[in-house]
Amino acid sequence: MNSTYEEANDTKEWQQAMEEEYKALEDNTTWNLVPRQEGMKVIGNKWVYKVKRNSDGSIARYKEMLMAKRFAQSYGVDYEATFNLVAKMTIISTIIGVATSRKWPIYQLHVKNVFLNRDLQETIYMTQPLGFENPKYSIFVCKFRKALYGLK
């Protein structure tokens, strides 16, 4: 497992995974690039890497996420409330029980960027992601339109 961008950037599988993640963020219009202004609070970001494995131990996929450095956000200044959508085990057990009793097929799927679709009401700025800085707008920052992993 890689722990830094520099290590991951040396591996074509990680490079491809980061490019796919960045493209998904662009396609989702997660942010706009805006000129950095004096007094603007800009938070950082970090690529996080994890290898997902199959039950036999083989590599299923290279999973990475671009995460905002949430520790730089202050309650009452940068956000008013937090919300995490979590499925409770009792709900999952109930759904599986009903599906089994009615002989419904059960499928597993993975939804990429599932938490990144919420529009933001707050104004939050972030530095451009490492490795994906726009050379034409190098002094610009990302102004969020939608949520990103790690934002409070």
Protein backbone atom coordinates (compact mmCIF):
# COMPACT_ATOMS: atom_id res chain seq x y z
CA MET A 1 0.00 0.00 0.00
CA ASN A 2 1.25 3.46 -0.86
CA SER A 3 1.09 6.19 1.71
CA THR A 4 2.19 9.23 -0.27
CA TYR A 5 1.39 10.76 -3.63
CA GLU A 6 5.03 10.46 -4.66
CA GLU A 7 5.04 6.68 -4.04
CA ALA A 8 1.69 6.18 -5.78
CA ASN A 9 2.65 8.34 -8.74
CA ASP A 10 5.43 5.86 -9.58
CA THR A 11 2.86 3.09 -10.21
CA LYS A 12 0.71 3.08 -13.36
CA GLU A 13 -2.22 1.42 -11.55
CA TRP A 14 -2.32 4.21 -8.96
CA GLN A 15 -1.86 6.88 -11.65
CA GLN A 16 -4.84 5.46 -13.56
CA ALA A 17 -6.95 5.27 -10.39
CA MET A 18 -6.15 8.90 -9.51
CA GLU A 19 -6.94 10.05 -13.05
CA GLU A 20 -10.32 8.25 -12.92
CA GLU A 21 -11.11 9.80 -9.54
CA TYR A 22 -10.14 13.27 -10.72
CA LYS A 23 -12.20 12.88 -13.91
CA ALA A 24 -15.22 11.79 -11.82
CA LEU A 25 -14.80 14.90 -9.64
CA GLU A 26 -14.61 17.09 -12.76
CA ASP A 27 -17.62 15.39 -14.37
CA ASN A 28 -19.56 15.96 -11.14
CA THR A 29 -18.55 19.67 -11.17
CA THR A 30 -17.35 19.30 -7.59
CA TRP A 31 -15.57 22.67 -7.71
CA ASN A 32 -14.72 25.69 -9.85
CA LEU A 33 -11.28 27.24 -10.01
CA VAL A 34 -11.31 30.81 -8.71
CA PRO A 35 -8.52 33.35 -8.12
CA ARG A 36 -7.07 33.21 -4.63
CA GLN A 37 -7.92 36.34 -2.68
CA GLU A 38 -6.24 37.78 0.38
CA GLY A 39 -7.94 36.63 3.58
CA MET A 40 -9.47 33.57 1.93
CA LYS A 41 -9.37 30.48 4.18
CA VAL A 42 -8.08 27.65 2.01
CA ILE A 43 -7.92 24.07 3.28
CA GLY A 44 -5.55 21.45 1.98
CA ASN A 45 -6.22 17.99 0.60
CA LYS A 46 -4.61 14.59 0.50
CA TRP A 47 -4.78 11.49 -1.67
CA VAL A 48 -5.59 8.37 0.38
CA TYR A 49 -4.74 4.94 -1.04
CA LYS A 50 -6.01 1.44 -0.34
CA VAL A 51 -5.78 -1.83 -2.24
CA LYS A 52 -9.11 -3.67 -2.31
CA ARG A 53 -8.67 -7.45 -2.40
CA ASN A 54 -10.85 -10.36 -3.45
CA SER A 55 -11.57 -13.17 -1.00
CA ASP A 56 -8.66 -15.18 -2.47
CA GLY A 57 -6.23 -12.32 -1.75
CA SER A 58 -5.83 -11.19 -5.35
CA ILE A 59 -6.12 -7.48 -6.09
CA ALA A 60 -9.66 -6.45 -6.97
CA ARG A 61 -8.85 -2.79 -7.59
CA TYR A 62 -6.77 0.15 -6.53
CA LYS A 63 -8.95 2.48 -4.46
CA GLU A 64 -7.94 6.05 -3.81
CA MET A 65 -9.82 9.08 -2.62
CA LEU A 66 -9.08 12.75 -2.69
CA MET A 67 -9.92 13.95 0.80
CA ALA A 68 -10.21 17.46 2.17
CA LYS A 69 -8.20 18.05 5.32
CA ARG A 70 -11.17 18.48 7.62
CA PHE A 71 -9.10 19.39 10.69
CA ALA A 72 -8.69 22.84 9.13
CA GLN A 73 -12.44 23.50 9.38
CA SER A 74 -13.97 25.17 12.43
CA TYR A 75 -17.52 24.63 13.71
CA GLY A 76 -19.62 27.77 13.39
CA VAL A 77 -17.18 29.29 10.91
CA ASP A 78 -16.84 26.77 8.08
CA TYR A 79 -19.87 24.60 8.82
CA GLU A 80 -22.94 24.45 11.06
CA ALA A 81 -23.82 20.76 11.06
CA THR A 82 -22.44 17.41 9.98
CA PHE A 83 -24.26 14.43 8.53
CA ASN A 84 -23.09 10.92 7.72
CA LEU A 85 -25.38 8.56 5.88
CA VAL A 86 -24.90 5.14 7.49
CA ALA A 87 -26.86 1.94 6.95
CA LYS A 88 -27.78 0.22 10.22
CA MET A 89 -27.23 -3.52 10.44
CA THR A 90 -30.85 -4.08 11.55
CA ILE A 91 -32.09 -2.50 8.31
CA ILE A 92 -29.69 -4.56 6.19
CA SER A 93 -30.69 -7.75 8.04
CA THR A 94 -34.38 -6.96 7.51
CA ILE A 95 -33.89 -6.38 3.79
CA ILE A 96 -31.91 -9.62 3.42
CA GLY A 97 -34.57 -11.50 5.41
CA VAL A 98 -37.42 -10.21 3.25
CA ALA A 99 -35.49 -10.91 0.04
CA THR A 100 -34.68 -14.45 1.20
CA SER A 101 -38.26 -15.24 2.25
CA ARG A 102 -39.57 -14.02 -1.12
CA LYS A 103 -36.74 -15.69 -3.05
CA TRP A 104 -35.59 -12.39 -4.54
CA PRO A 105 -32.07 -12.33 -5.97
CA ILE A 106 -29.56 -10.20 -4.04
CA TYR A 107 -26.80 -8.30 -5.83
CA GLN A 108 -23.81 -6.39 -4.59
CA LEU A 109 -22.65 -3.22 -6.30
CA HIS A 110 -20.16 -0.46 -5.75
CA VAL A 111 -21.20 3.14 -6.34
CA LYS A 112 -18.26 5.44 -6.95
CA ASN A 113 -18.38 8.92 -5.50
CA VAL A 114 -21.73 8.25 -3.83
CA PHE A 115 -21.31 10.92 -1.14
CA LEU A 116 -20.13 13.60 -3.52
CA ASN A 117 -23.45 14.65 -5.01
CA ARG A 118 -24.72 16.97 -2.28
CA ASP A 119 -24.67 20.66 -3.17
CA LEU A 120 -22.95 22.81 -0.57
CA GLN A 121 -24.50 25.89 0.98
CA GLU A 122 -21.22 26.94 2.64
CA THR A 123 -18.36 28.65 0.82
CA ILE A 124 -15.27 26.45 1.13
CA TYR A 125 -11.97 26.76 -0.72
CA MET A 126 -9.31 24.09 -1.19
CA THR A 127 -5.88 23.98 -2.80
CA GLN A 128 -5.70 22.24 -6.16
CA PRO A 129 -5.08 18.48 -5.85
CA LEU A 130 -1.45 17.40 -5.95
CA GLY A 131 -0.60 16.14 -9.41
CA PHE A 132 -3.62 17.82 -10.99
CA GLU A 133 -2.76 21.50 -10.66
CA ASN A 134 -3.89 23.51 -13.67
CA PRO A 135 -0.74 25.18 -15.05
CA LYS A 136 -2.77 27.99 -16.67
CA TYR A 137 -4.35 28.79 -13.29
CA SER A 138 -1.59 27.87 -10.86
CA ILE A 139 -2.53 30.56 -8.32
CA PHE A 140 -6.23 29.60 -8.36
CA VAL A 141 -7.98 27.55 -5.69
CA CYS A 142 -10.95 25.19 -5.81
CA LYS A 143 -14.27 26.69 -4.70
CA PHE A 144 -16.53 23.79 -3.78
CA ARG A 145 -19.92 23.39 -5.39
CA LYS A 146 -20.46 19.89 -4.03
CA ALA A 147 -19.19 17.85 -1.13
CA LEU A 148 -15.84 16.03 -1.06
CA TYR A 149 -14.70 13.21 1.19
CA GLY A 150 -13.43 14.65 4.45
CA LEU A 151 -15.48 17.85 4.48
CA LYS A 152 -17.44 18.41 7.66
